[in-house]
Amino acid sequence: MINLAITQAGSNANTVFPNQMEIDYVRVYQENLTSTNVVSKDNTMVFPNPASNYFSVNSPEYTNLKLYNLEGKLLLERDNASAKRIDVSDLYNGIYLLELENKAGLKRYKKIIINN
């Protein structure tokens, strides 16, 4: 239960009306504080995921890739890797972070699971 003091505007502006209310539903909204809405289309496909011996990247835009382990160590780097098989048969089972970069330097990150 919430105790509220409701004030009134106008000639009786200093009058306080104490009330007790029960609130059974509260909805919270946040206004978008950015000046423009960012819409991102990502047609990049990494498959198969989970991967066993290899994975492929099918992307019309992102061609350079780097593969990191969860400690941030760079394990693999390829240029112009779009739609080509990337051999991961020598990696341990686990979760890895794939960094894809286009010619303009824009980067996108994907999670890939290796399950040999």
PDB file of N, CA and C in Angstrom:
ATOM      1  N   MET A   1       0.845  -1.159   0.000  1.00  0.00           N
ATOM      2  CA  MET A   1       0.000   0.000   0.000  1.00  0.00           C
ATOM      3  C   MET A   1       0.897   1.231   0.000  1.00  0.00           C
ATOM      4  N   ILE A   2       0.492   2.264  -0.725  1.00  0.00           N
ATOM      5  CA  ILE A   2       1.244   3.512  -0.826  1.00  0.00           C
ATOM      6  C   ILE A   2       0.396   4.628  -0.246  1.00  0.00           C
ATOM      7  N   ASN A   3       0.992   5.448   0.605  1.00  0.00           N
ATOM      8  CA  ASN A   3       0.318   6.642   1.118  1.00  0.00           C
ATOM      9  C   ASN A   3       0.663   7.806   0.210  1.00  0.00           C
ATOM     10  N   LEU A   4      -0.340   8.491  -0.285  1.00  0.00           N
ATOM     11  CA  LEU A   4      -0.146   9.616  -1.189  1.00  0.00           C
ATOM     12  C   LEU A   4      -0.733  10.883  -0.582  1.00  0.00           C
ATOM     13  N   ALA A   5      -0.097  11.998  -0.874  1.00  0.00           N
ATOM     14  CA  ALA A   5      -0.672  13.300  -0.548  1.00  0.00           C
ATOM     15  C   ALA A   5      -0.914  14.005  -1.876  1.00  0.00           C
ATOM     16  N   ILE A   6      -2.157  14.239  -2.211  1.00  0.00           N
ATOM     17  CA  ILE A   6      -2.519  14.838  -3.488  1.00  0.00           C
ATOM     18  C   ILE A   6      -2.806  16.307  -3.267  1.00  0.00           C
ATOM     19  N   THR A   7      -2.123  17.139  -4.050  1.00  0.00           N
ATOM     20  CA  THR A   7      -2.350  18.586  -3.936  1.00  0.00           C
ATOM     21  C   THR A   7      -3.248  19.035  -5.073  1.00  0.00           C
ATOM     22  N   GLN A   8      -3.869  20.176  -4.867  1.00  0.00           N
ATOM     23  CA  GLN A   8      -4.812  20.703  -5.838  1.00  0.00           C
ATOM     24  C   GLN A   8      -4.270  22.020  -6.362  1.00  0.00           C
ATOM     25  N   ALA A   9      -4.455  22.277  -7.640  1.00  0.00           N
ATOM     26  CA  ALA A   9      -4.042  23.542  -8.235  1.00  0.00           C
ATOM     27  C   ALA A   9      -5.163  24.567  -8.097  1.00  0.00           C
ATOM     28  N   GLY A  10      -4.834  25.822  -8.279  1.00  0.00           N
ATOM     29  CA  GLY A  10      -5.854  26.873  -8.243  1.00  0.00           C
ATOM     30  C   GLY A  10      -5.868  27.597  -6.914  1.00  0.00           C
ATOM     31  N   SER A  11      -7.062  28.113  -6.535  1.00  0.00           N
ATOM     32  CA  SER A  11      -7.175  28.928  -5.325  1.00  0.00           C
ATOM     33  C   SER A  11      -6.901  28.118  -4.061  1.00  0.00           C
ATOM     34  N   ASN A  12      -7.132  26.827  -4.083  1.00  0.00           N
ATOM     35  CA  ASN A  12      -6.858  25.973  -2.933  1.00  0.00           C
ATOM     36  C   ASN A  12      -5.557  25.188  -3.112  1.00  0.00           C
ATOM     37  N   ALA A  13      -4.539  25.831  -3.716  1.00  0.00           N
ATOM     38  CA  ALA A  13      -3.295  25.149  -4.063  1.00  0.00           C
ATOM     39  C   ALA A  13      -2.556  24.619  -2.841  1.00  0.00           C
ATOM     40  N   ASN A  14      -2.752  25.208  -1.680  1.00  0.00           N
ATOM     41  CA  ASN A  14      -2.034  24.762  -0.498  1.00  0.00           C
ATOM     42  C   ASN A  14      -2.781  23.682   0.283  1.00  0.00           C
ATOM     43  N   THR A  15      -3.935  23.286  -0.205  1.00  0.00           N
ATOM     44  CA  THR A  15      -4.724  22.269   0.480  1.00  0.00           C
ATOM     45  C   THR A  15      -4.178  20.891   0.131  1.00  0.00           C
ATOM     46  N   VAL A  16      -3.954  20.053   1.123  1.00  0.00           N
ATOM     47  CA  VAL A  16      -3.458  18.692   0.910  1.00  0.00           C
ATOM     48  C   VAL A  16      -4.572  17.723   1.279  1.00  0.00           C
ATOM     49  N   PHE A  17      -4.837  16.770   0.402  1.00  0.00           N
ATOM     50  CA  PHE A  17      -5.862  15.766   0.630  1.00  0.00           C
ATOM     51  C   PHE A  17      -5.175  14.424   0.861  1.00  0.00           C
ATOM     52  N   PRO A  18      -5.025  13.978   2.084  1.00  0.00           N
ATOM     53  CA  PRO A  18      -4.384  12.681   2.323  1.00  0.00           C
ATOM     54  C   PRO A  18      -5.299  11.543   1.900  1.00  0.00           C
ATOM     55  N   ASN A  19      -4.759  10.600   1.186  1.00  0.00           N
ATOM     56  CA  ASN A  19      -5.529   9.455   0.699  1.00  0.00           C
ATOM     57  C   ASN A  19      -4.700   8.189   0.850  1.00  0.00           C
ATOM     58  N   GLN A  20      -5.367   7.084   0.944  1.00  0.00           N
ATOM     59  CA  GLN A  20      -4.700   5.793   0.878  1.00  0.00           C
ATOM     60  C   GLN A  20      -5.238   5.073  -0.336  1.00  0.00           C
ATOM     61  N   MET A  21      -4.329   4.578  -1.179  1.00  0.00           N
ATOM     62  CA  MET A  21      -4.704   3.890  -2.408  1.00  0.00           C
ATOM     63  C   MET A  21      -3.993   2.555  -2.458  1.00  0.00           C
ATOM     64  N   GLU A  22      -4.623   1.607  -3.085  1.00  0.00           N
ATOM     65  CA  GLU A  22      -3.956   0.363  -3.408  1.00  0.00           C
ATOM     66  C   GLU A  22      -3.701   0.352  -4.894  1.00  0.00           C
ATOM     67  N   ILE A  23      -2.497  -0.008  -5.260  1.00  0.00           N
ATOM     68  CA  ILE A  23      -2.117  -0.073  -6.669  1.00  0.00           C
ATOM     69  C   ILE A  23      -1.865  -1.534  -6.997  1.00  0.00           C
ATOM     70  N   ASP A  24      -2.609  -2.057  -7.967  1.00  0.00           N
ATOM     71  CA  ASP A  24      -2.436  -3.459  -8.300  1.00  0.00           C
ATOM     72  C   ASP A  24      -1.756  -3.653  -9.647  1.00  0.00           C
ATOM     73  N   TYR A  25      -1.462  -2.576 -10.357  1.00  0.00           N
ATOM     74  CA  TYR A  25      -0.811  -2.698 -11.652  1.00  0.00           C
ATOM     75  C   TYR A  25       0.009  -1.442 -11.902  1.00  0.00           C
ATOM     76  N   VAL A  26       1.259  -1.622 -12.226  1.00  0.00           N
ATOM     77  CA  VAL A  26       2.138  -0.496 -12.532  1.00  0.00           C
ATOM     78  C   VAL A  26       2.850  -0.806 -13.839  1.00  0.00           C
ATOM     79  N   ARG A  27       2.856   0.137 -14.715  1.00  0.00           N
ATOM     80  CA  ARG A  27       3.563   0.004 -15.986  1.00  0.00           C
ATOM     81  C   ARG A  27       4.569   1.139 -16.070  1.00  0.00           C
ATOM     82  N   VAL A  28       5.804   0.815 -16.418  1.00  0.00           N
ATOM     83  CA  VAL A  28       6.867   1.808 -16.474  1.00  0.00           C
ATOM     84  C   VAL A  28       7.327   1.940 -17.921  1.00  0.00           C
ATOM     85  N   TYR A  29       7.423   3.154 -18.383  1.00  0.00           N
ATOM     86  CA  TYR A  29       7.865   3.445 -19.737  1.00  0.00           C
ATOM     87  C   TYR A  29       9.102   4.314 -19.684  1.00  0.00           C
ATOM     88  N   GLN A  30       9.938   4.178 -20.706  1.00  0.00           N
ATOM     89  CA  GLN A  30      11.085   5.062 -20.843  1.00  0.00           C
ATOM     90  C   GLN A  30      11.059   5.631 -22.252  1.00  0.00           C
ATOM     91  N   GLU A  31      11.168   6.925 -22.330  1.00  0.00           N
ATOM     92  CA  GLU A  31      11.183   7.571 -23.624  1.00  0.00           C
ATOM     93  C   GLU A  31      12.517   7.296 -24.309  1.00  0.00           C
ATOM     94  N   ASN A  32      12.490   7.215 -25.633  1.00  0.00           N
ATOM     95  CA  ASN A  32      13.713   7.045 -26.398  1.00  0.00           C
ATOM     96  C   ASN A  32      14.480   8.358 -26.350  1.00  0.00           C
ATOM     97  N   LEU A  33      15.679   8.327 -25.787  1.00  0.00           N
ATOM     98  CA  LEU A  33      16.446   9.549 -25.593  1.00  0.00           C
ATOM     99  C   LEU A  33      17.346   9.886 -26.765  1.00  0.00           C
ATOM    100  N   THR A  34      17.422   9.024 -27.768  1.00  0.00           N
ATOM    101  CA  THR A  34      18.266   9.313 -28.921  1.00  0.00           C
ATOM    102  C   THR A  34      17.495  10.162 -29.908  1.00  0.00           C
ATOM    103  N   SER A  35      18.234  10.912 -30.701  1.00  0.00           N
ATOM    104  CA  SER A  35      17.584  11.812 -31.643  1.00  0.00           C
ATOM    105  C   SER A  35      17.111  11.076 -32.886  1.00  0.00           C
ATOM    106  N   THR A  36      17.746   9.967 -33.218  1.00  0.00           N
ATOM    107  CA  THR A  36      17.317   9.192 -34.376  1.00  0.00           C
ATOM    108  C   THR A  36      17.208   7.740 -33.979  1.00  0.00           C
ATOM    109  N   ASN A  37      16.285   7.057 -34.579  1.00  0.00           N
ATOM    110  CA  ASN A  37      16.160   5.625 -34.347  1.00  0.00           C
ATOM    111  C   ASN A  37      17.127   4.894 -35.261  1.00  0.00           C
ATOM    112  N   VAL A  38      17.854   3.938 -34.730  1.00  0.00           N
ATOM    113  CA  VAL A  38      18.823   3.180 -35.500  1.00  0.00           C
ATOM    114  C   VAL A  38      18.187   1.850 -35.870  1.00  0.00           C
ATOM    115  N   VAL A  39      18.088   1.612 -37.151  1.00  0.00           N
ATOM    116  CA  VAL A  39      17.547   0.354 -37.632  1.00  0.00           C
ATOM    117  C   VAL A  39      18.680  -0.382 -38.310  1.00  0.00           C
ATOM    118  N   SER A  40      18.916  -1.583 -37.870  1.00  0.00           N
ATOM    119  CA  SER A  40      20.026  -2.357 -38.402  1.00  0.00           C
ATOM    120  C   SER A  40      19.503  -3.634 -39.032  1.00  0.00           C
ATOM    121  N   LYS A  41      19.840  -3.835 -40.282  1.00  0.00           N
ATOM    122  CA  LYS A  41      19.513  -5.082 -40.947  1.00  0.00           C
ATOM    123  C   LYS A  41      20.781  -5.907 -40.987  1.00  0.00           C
ATOM    124  N   ASP A  42      20.682  -7.118 -40.501  1.00  0.00           N
ATOM    125  CA  ASP A  42      21.832  -7.993 -40.499  1.00  0.00           C
ATOM    126  C   ASP A  42      21.477  -9.261 -41.241  1.00  0.00           C
ATOM    127  N   ASN A  43      21.977  -9.367 -42.459  1.00  0.00           N
ATOM    128  CA  ASN A  43      21.720 -10.542 -43.270  1.00  0.00           C
ATOM    129  C   ASN A  43      22.865 -11.542 -43.177  1.00  0.00           C
ATOM    130  N   THR A  44      23.753 -11.350 -42.224  1.00  0.00           N
ATOM    131  CA  THR A  44      24.904 -12.215 -42.072  1.00  0.00           C
ATOM    132  C   THR A  44      24.490 -13.545 -41.461  1.00  0.00           C
ATOM    133  N   MET A  45      24.910 -14.619 -42.089  1.00  0.00           N
ATOM    134  CA  MET A  45      24.628 -15.954 -41.582  1.00  0.00           C
ATOM    135  C   MET A  45      25.938 -16.662 -41.284  1.00  0.00           C
ATOM    136  N   VAL A  46      26.030 -17.244 -40.102  1.00  0.00           N
ATOM    137  CA  VAL A  46      27.161 -18.081 -39.721  1.00  0.00           C
ATOM    138  C   VAL A  46      26.589 -19.475 -39.516  1.00  0.00           C
ATOM    139  N   PHE A  47      27.081 -20.430 -40.275  1.00  0.00           N
ATOM    140  CA  PHE A  47      26.493 -21.767 -40.233  1.00  0.00           C
ATOM    141  C   PHE A  47      27.552 -22.817 -40.508  1.00  0.00           C
ATOM    142  N   PRO A  48      27.405 -24.030 -40.048  1.00  0.00           N
ATOM    143  CA  PRO A  48      26.471 -24.446 -39.011  1.00  0.00           C
ATOM    144  C   PRO A  48      26.909 -23.888 -37.670  1.00  0.00           C
ATOM    145  N   ASN A  49      25.971 -23.687 -36.804  1.00  0.00           N
ATOM    146  CA  ASN A  49      26.263 -23.189 -35.465  1.00  0.00           C
ATOM    147  C   ASN A  49      25.338 -23.907 -34.499  1.00  0.00           C
ATOM    148  N   PRO A  50      25.810 -24.846 -33.735  1.00  0.00           N
ATOM    149  CA  PRO A  50      27.196 -25.162 -33.419  1.00  0.00           C
ATOM    150  C   PRO A  50      27.920 -25.818 -34.599  1.00  0.00           C
ATOM    151  N   ALA A  51      29.210 -25.534 -34.664  1.00  0.00           N
ATOM    152  CA  ALA A  51      30.063 -26.061 -35.719  1.00  0.00           C
ATOM    153  C   ALA A  51      30.896 -27.203 -35.161  1.00  0.00           C
ATOM    154  N   SER A  52      31.224 -28.163 -36.026  1.00  0.00           N
ATOM    155  CA  SER A  52      32.079 -29.249 -35.560  1.00  0.00           C
ATOM    156  C   SER A  52      33.469 -29.138 -36.163  1.00  0.00           C
ATOM    157  N   ASN A  53      33.609 -29.207 -37.461  1.00  0.00           N
ATOM    158  CA  ASN A  53      34.926 -29.120 -38.087  1.00  0.00           C
ATOM    159  C   ASN A  53      35.149 -27.811 -38.840  1.00  0.00           C
ATOM    160  N   TYR A  54      34.076 -27.166 -39.218  1.00  0.00           N
ATOM    161  CA  TYR A  54      34.175 -25.925 -39.984  1.00  0.00           C
ATOM    162  C   TYR A  54      32.906 -25.114 -39.787  1.00  0.00           C
ATOM    163  N   PHE A  55      32.987 -23.846 -40.148  1.00  0.00           N
ATOM    164  CA  PHE A  55      31.797 -23.019 -40.290  1.00  0.00           C
ATOM    165  C   PHE A  55      31.994 -22.123 -41.493  1.00  0.00           C
ATOM    166  N   SER A  56      30.906 -21.595 -41.986  1.00  0.00           N
ATOM    167  CA  SER A  56      30.932 -20.679 -43.126  1.00  0.00           C
ATOM    168  C   SER A  56      30.237 -19.391 -42.747  1.00  0.00           C
ATOM    169  N   VAL A  57      30.654 -18.321 -43.391  1.00  0.00           N
ATOM    170  CA  VAL A  57      30.024 -17.020 -43.207  1.00  0.00           C
ATOM    171  C   VAL A  57      29.449 -16.611 -44.541  1.00  0.00           C
ATOM    172  N   ASN A  58      28.148 -16.366 -44.560  1.00  0.00           N
ATOM    173  CA  ASN A  58      27.487 -15.919 -45.773  1.00  0.00           C
ATOM    174  C   ASN A  58      27.032 -14.490 -45.542  1.00  0.00           C
ATOM    175  N   SER A  59      27.790 -13.565 -46.083  1.00  0.00           N
ATOM    176  CA  SER A  59      27.478 -12.158 -45.885  1.00  0.00           C
ATOM    177  C   SER A  59      27.855 -11.371 -47.123  1.00  0.00           C
ATOM    178  N   PRO A  60      26.933 -10.561 -47.627  1.00  0.00           N
ATOM    179  CA  PRO A  60      27.275  -9.731 -48.784  1.00  0.00           C
ATOM    180  C   PRO A  60      28.175  -8.557 -48.411  1.00  0.00           C
ATOM    181  N   GLU A  61      28.222  -8.210 -47.133  1.00  0.00           N
ATOM    182  CA  GLU A  61      28.930  -6.996 -46.719  1.00  0.00           C
ATOM    183  C   GLU A  61      30.199  -7.281 -45.927  1.00  0.00           C
ATOM    184  N   TYR A  62      30.134  -8.216 -44.979  1.00  0.00           N
ATOM    185  CA  TYR A  62      31.254  -8.466 -44.085  1.00  0.00           C
ATOM    186  C   TYR A  62      32.128  -9.567 -44.659  1.00  0.00           C
ATOM    187  N   THR A  63      33.401  -9.256 -44.868  1.00  0.00           N
ATOM    188  CA  THR A  63      34.277 -10.233 -45.487  1.00  0.00           C
ATOM    189  C   THR A  63      35.469 -10.613 -44.612  1.00  0.00           C
ATOM    190  N   ASN A  64      35.961  -9.710 -43.801  1.00  0.00           N
ATOM    191  CA  ASN A  64      37.112 -10.010 -42.955  1.00  0.00           C
ATOM    192  C   ASN A  64      36.620 -10.515 -41.607  1.00  0.00           C
ATOM    193  N   LEU A  65      37.275 -11.548 -41.091  1.00  0.00           N
ATOM    194  CA  LEU A  65      36.821 -12.088 -39.816  1.00  0.00           C
ATOM    195  C   LEU A  65      37.990 -12.384 -38.895  1.00  0.00           C
ATOM    196  N   LYS A  66      37.686 -12.311 -37.606  1.00  0.00           N
ATOM    197  CA  LYS A  66      38.611 -12.695 -36.549  1.00  0.00           C
ATOM    198  C   LYS A  66      37.821 -13.546 -35.563  1.00  0.00           C
ATOM    199  N   LEU A  67      38.449 -14.586 -35.042  1.00  0.00           N
ATOM    200  CA  LEU A  67      37.820 -15.462 -34.078  1.00  0.00           C
ATOM    201  C   LEU A  67      38.592 -15.366 -32.771  1.00  0.00           C
ATOM    202  N   TYR A  68      37.870 -15.038 -31.700  1.00  0.00           N
ATOM    203  CA  TYR A  68      38.461 -14.880 -30.371  1.00  0.00           C
ATOM    204  C   TYR A  68      37.882 -15.920 -29.422  1.00  0.00           C
ATOM    205  N   ASN A  69      38.703 -16.339 -28.434  1.00  0.00           N
ATOM    206  CA  ASN A  69      38.137 -17.126 -27.349  1.00  0.00           C
ATOM    207  C   ASN A  69      37.537 -16.163 -26.334  1.00  0.00           C
ATOM    208  N   LEU A  70      36.917 -16.676 -25.287  1.00  0.00           N
ATOM    209  CA  LEU A  70      36.243 -15.804 -24.324  1.00  0.00           C
ATOM    210  C   LEU A  70      37.206 -15.040 -23.435  1.00  0.00           C
ATOM    211  N   GLU A  71      38.490 -15.358 -23.510  1.00  0.00           N
ATOM    212  CA  GLU A  71      39.501 -14.588 -22.786  1.00  0.00           C
ATOM    213  C   GLU A  71      40.014 -13.419 -23.622  1.00  0.00           C
ATOM    214  N   GLY A  72      39.558 -13.325 -24.870  1.00  0.00           N
ATOM    215  CA  GLY A  72      39.949 -12.232 -25.742  1.00  0.00           C
ATOM    216  C   GLY A  72      41.169 -12.518 -26.589  1.00  0.00           C
ATOM    217  N   LYS A  73      41.653 -13.750 -26.581  1.00  0.00           N
ATOM    218  CA  LYS A  73      42.831 -14.119 -27.367  1.00  0.00           C
ATOM    219  C   LYS A  73      42.419 -14.362 -28.817  1.00  0.00           C
ATOM    220  N   LEU A  74      43.131 -13.723 -29.746  1.00  0.00           N
ATOM    221  CA  LEU A  74      42.870 -13.901 -31.172  1.00  0.00           C
ATOM    222  C   LEU A  74      43.362 -15.282 -31.594  1.00  0.00           C
ATOM    223  N   LEU A  75      42.465 -16.090 -32.128  1.00  0.00           N
ATOM    224  CA  LEU A  75      42.807 -17.456 -32.520  1.00  0.00           C
ATOM    225  C   LEU A  75      42.919 -17.631 -34.020  1.00  0.00           C
ATOM    226  N   LEU A  76      42.187 -16.818 -34.762  1.00  0.00           N
ATOM    227  CA  LEU A  76      42.080 -17.025 -36.199  1.00  0.00           C
ATOM    228  C   LEU A  76      41.757 -15.701 -36.865  1.00  0.00           C
ATOM    229  N   GLU A  77      42.359 -15.453 -38.016  1.00  0.00           N
ATOM    230  CA  GLU A  77      42.074 -14.228 -38.765  1.00  0.00           C
ATOM    231  C   GLU A  77      42.054 -14.562 -40.252  1.00  0.00           C
ATOM    232  N   ARG A  78      41.018 -14.105 -40.934  1.00  0.00           N
ATOM    233  CA  ARG A  78      40.875 -14.349 -42.373  1.00  0.00           C
ATOM    234  C   ARG A  78      40.399 -13.078 -43.062  1.00  0.00           C
ATOM    235  N   ASP A  79      40.977 -12.821 -44.222  1.00  0.00           N
ATOM    236  CA  ASP A  79      40.508 -11.742 -45.083  1.00  0.00           C
ATOM    237  C   ASP A  79      39.702 -12.361 -46.208  1.00  0.00           C
ATOM    238  N   ASN A  80      38.705 -11.648 -46.664  1.00  0.00           N
ATOM    239  CA  ASN A  80      37.848 -12.108 -47.765  1.00  0.00           C
ATOM    240  C   ASN A  80      37.310 -13.508 -47.505  1.00  0.00           C
ATOM    241  N   ALA A  81      36.710 -13.692 -46.343  1.00  0.00           N
ATOM    242  CA  ALA A  81      36.248 -15.013 -45.921  1.00  0.00           C
ATOM    243  C   ALA A  81      34.779 -15.259 -46.218  1.00  0.00           C
ATOM    244  N   SER A  82      34.127 -14.369 -46.923  1.00  0.00           N
ATOM    245  CA  SER A  82      32.700 -14.529 -47.167  1.00  0.00           C
ATOM    246  C   SER A  82      32.419 -15.798 -47.960  1.00  0.00           C
ATOM    247  N   ALA A  83      31.462 -16.592 -47.467  1.00  0.00           N
ATOM    248  CA  ALA A  83      30.988 -17.820 -48.112  1.00  0.00           C
ATOM    249  C   ALA A  83      32.076 -18.871 -48.286  1.00  0.00           C
ATOM    250  N   LYS A  84      33.128 -18.818 -47.475  1.00  0.00           N
ATOM    251  CA  LYS A  84      34.171 -19.834 -47.523  1.00  0.00           C
ATOM    252  C   LYS A  84      34.162 -20.615 -46.225  1.00  0.00           C
ATOM    253  N   ARG A  85      34.610 -21.844 -46.284  1.00  0.00           N
ATOM    254  CA  ARG A  85      34.687 -22.682 -45.094  1.00  0.00           C
ATOM    255  C   ARG A  85      35.892 -22.265 -44.250  1.00  0.00           C
ATOM    256  N   ILE A  86      35.634 -22.132 -42.968  1.00  0.00           N
ATOM    257  CA  ILE A  86      36.694 -21.804 -42.016  1.00  0.00           C
ATOM    258  C   ILE A  86      36.917 -23.043 -41.157  1.00  0.00           C
ATOM    259  N   ASP A  87      38.105 -23.617 -41.214  1.00  0.00           N
ATOM    260  CA  ASP A  87      38.414 -24.843 -40.488  1.00  0.00           C
ATOM    261  C   ASP A  87      38.616 -24.533 -39.008  1.00  0.00           C
ATOM    262  N   VAL A  88      37.852 -25.200 -38.157  1.00  0.00           N
ATOM    263  CA  VAL A  88      37.978 -25.041 -36.703  1.00  0.00           C
ATOM    264  C   VAL A  88      38.149 -26.398 -36.017  1.00  0.00           C
ATOM    265  N   SER A  89      38.596 -27.392 -36.771  1.00  0.00           N
ATOM    266  CA  SER A  89      38.720 -28.738 -36.225  1.00  0.00           C
ATOM    267  C   SER A  89      39.784 -28.837 -35.131  1.00  0.00           C
ATOM    268  N   ASP A  90      40.731 -27.898 -35.097  1.00  0.00           N
ATOM    269  CA  ASP A  90      41.783 -27.942 -34.086  1.00  0.00           C
ATOM    270  C   ASP A  90      41.432 -27.147 -32.819  1.00  0.00           C
ATOM    271  N   LEU A  91      40.240 -26.563 -32.770  1.00  0.00           N
ATOM    272  CA  LEU A  91      39.839 -25.787 -31.586  1.00  0.00           C
ATOM    273  C   LEU A  91      39.110 -26.665 -30.579  1.00  0.00           C
ATOM    274  N   TYR A  92      39.207 -26.281 -29.318  1.00  0.00           N
ATOM    275  CA  TYR A  92      38.498 -26.988 -28.253  1.00  0.00           C
ATOM    276  C   TYR A  92      37.012 -26.667 -28.311  1.00  0.00           C
ATOM    277  N   ASN A  93      36.213 -27.559 -27.755  1.00  0.00           N
ATOM    278  CA  ASN A  93      34.778 -27.293 -27.629  1.00  0.00           C
ATOM    279  C   ASN A  93      34.576 -26.071 -26.764  1.00  0.00           C
ATOM    280  N   GLY A  94      33.628 -25.228 -27.144  1.00  0.00           N
ATOM    281  CA  GLY A  94      33.335 -24.057 -26.335  1.00  0.00           C
ATOM    282  C   GLY A  94      32.671 -22.963 -27.136  1.00  0.00           C
ATOM    283  N   ILE A  95      32.573 -21.810 -26.502  1.00  0.00           N
ATOM    284  CA  ILE A  95      31.936 -20.637 -27.104  1.00  0.00           C
ATOM    285  C   ILE A  95      33.027 -19.669 -27.530  1.00  0.00           C
ATOM    286  N   TYR A  96      32.882 -19.138 -28.724  1.00  0.00           N
ATOM    287  CA  TYR A  96      33.860 -18.218 -29.289  1.00  0.00           C
ATOM    288  C   TYR A  96      33.147 -16.978 -29.806  1.00  0.00           C
ATOM    289  N   LEU A  97      33.908 -15.910 -29.964  1.00  0.00           N
ATOM    290  CA  LEU A  97      33.369 -14.656 -30.477  1.00  0.00           C
ATOM    291  C   LEU A  97      33.942 -14.409 -31.861  1.00  0.00           C
ATOM    292  N   LEU A  98      33.049 -14.222 -32.814  1.00  0.00           N
ATOM    293  CA  LEU A  98      33.425 -13.982 -34.195  1.00  0.00           C
ATOM    294  C   LEU A  98      33.251 -12.507 -34.498  1.00  0.00           C
ATOM    295  N   GLU A  99      34.324 -11.862 -34.929  1.00  0.00           N
ATOM    296  CA  GLU A  99      34.274 -10.449 -35.310  1.00  0.00           C
ATOM    297  C   GLU A  99      34.301 -10.371 -36.825  1.00  0.00           C
ATOM    298  N   LEU A 100      33.279  -9.761 -37.394  1.00  0.00           N
ATOM    299  CA  LEU A 100      33.191  -9.574 -38.843  1.00  0.00           C
ATOM    300  C   LEU A 100      33.354  -8.103 -39.155  1.00  0.00           C
ATOM    301  N   GLU A 101      34.124  -7.805 -40.192  1.00  0.00           N
ATOM    302  CA  GLU A 101      34.388  -6.404 -40.536  1.00  0.00           C
ATOM    303  C   GLU A 101      34.186  -6.196 -42.033  1.00  0.00           C
ATOM    304  N   ASN A 102      33.560  -5.072 -42.378  1.00  0.00           N
ATOM    305  CA  ASN A 102      33.382  -4.765 -43.795  1.00  0.00           C
ATOM    306  C   ASN A 102      34.496  -3.827 -44.263  1.00  0.00           C
ATOM    307  N   LYS A 103      34.453  -3.436 -45.524  1.00  0.00           N
ATOM    308  CA  LYS A 103      35.516  -2.598 -46.098  1.00  0.00           C
ATOM    309  C   LYS A 103      35.568  -1.209 -45.475  1.00  0.00           C
ATOM    310  N   ALA A 104      34.441  -0.728 -44.946  1.00  0.00           N
ATOM    311  CA  ALA A 104      34.392   0.598 -44.326  1.00  0.00           C
ATOM    312  C   ALA A 104      34.872   0.566 -42.870  1.00  0.00           C
ATOM    313  N   GLY A 105      35.176  -0.625 -42.361  1.00  0.00           N
ATOM    314  CA  GLY A 105      35.646  -0.735 -40.984  1.00  0.00           C
ATOM    315  C   GLY A 105      34.549  -0.998 -39.968  1.00  0.00           C
ATOM    316  N   LEU A 106      33.310  -1.134 -40.420  1.00  0.00           N
ATOM    317  CA  LEU A 106      32.191  -1.424 -39.528  1.00  0.00           C
ATOM    318  C   LEU A 106      32.287  -2.876 -39.075  1.00  0.00           C
ATOM    319  N   LYS A 107      32.145  -3.088 -37.768  1.00  0.00           N
ATOM    320  CA  LYS A 107      32.302  -4.431 -37.214  1.00  0.00           C
ATOM    321  C   LYS A 107      30.987  -4.942 -36.656  1.00  0.00           C
ATOM    322  N   ARG A 108      30.790  -6.248 -36.773  1.00  0.00           N
ATOM    323  CA  ARG A 108      29.640  -6.931 -36.215  1.00  0.00           C
ATOM    324  C   ARG A 108      30.175  -8.171 -35.516  1.00  0.00           C
ATOM    325  N   TYR A 109      29.533  -8.520 -34.400  1.00  0.00           N
ATOM    326  CA  TYR A 109      30.000  -9.652 -33.601  1.00  0.00           C
ATOM    327  C   TYR A 109      28.929 -10.732 -33.550  1.00  0.00           C
ATOM    328  N   LYS A 110      29.374 -11.971 -33.644  1.00  0.00           N
ATOM    329  CA  LYS A 110      28.496 -13.133 -33.574  1.00  0.00           C
ATOM    330  C   LYS A 110      29.097 -14.136 -32.605  1.00  0.00           C
ATOM    331  N   LYS A 111      28.226 -14.858 -31.922  1.00  0.00           N
ATOM    332  CA  LYS A 111      28.666 -15.942 -31.053  1.00  0.00           C
ATOM    333  C   LYS A 111      28.639 -17.220 -31.874  1.00  0.00           C
ATOM    334  N   ILE A 112      29.704 -18.008 -31.731  1.00  0.00           N
ATOM    335  CA  ILE A 112      29.735 -19.297 -32.413  1.00  0.00           C
ATOM    336  C   ILE A 112      30.151 -20.359 -31.397  1.00  0.00           C
ATOM    337  N   ILE A 113      29.515 -21.509 -31.501  1.00  0.00           N
ATOM    338  CA  ILE A 113      29.787 -22.622 -30.595  1.00  0.00           C
ATOM    339  C   ILE A 113      30.521 -23.692 -31.393  1.00  0.00           C
ATOM    340  N   ILE A 114      31.655 -24.140 -30.837  1.00  0.00           N
ATOM    341  CA  ILE A 114      32.426 -25.214 -31.447  1.00  0.00           C
ATOM    342  C   ILE A 114      32.153 -26.472 -30.637  1.00  0.00           C
ATOM    343  N   ASN A 115      31.759 -27.526 -31.336  1.00  0.00           N
ATOM    344  CA  ASN A 115      31.418 -28.776 -30.678  1.00  0.00           C
ATOM    345  C   ASN A 115      31.993 -29.919 -31.515  1.00  0.00           C
ATOM    346  N   ASN A 116      33.290 -30.185 -31.344  1.00  0.00           N
ATOM    347  CA  ASN A 116      33.969 -31.238 -32.115  1.00  0.00           C
ATOM    348  C   ASN A 116      33.697 -32.602 -31.550  1.00  0.00           C
TER     349      ASN A 116
END
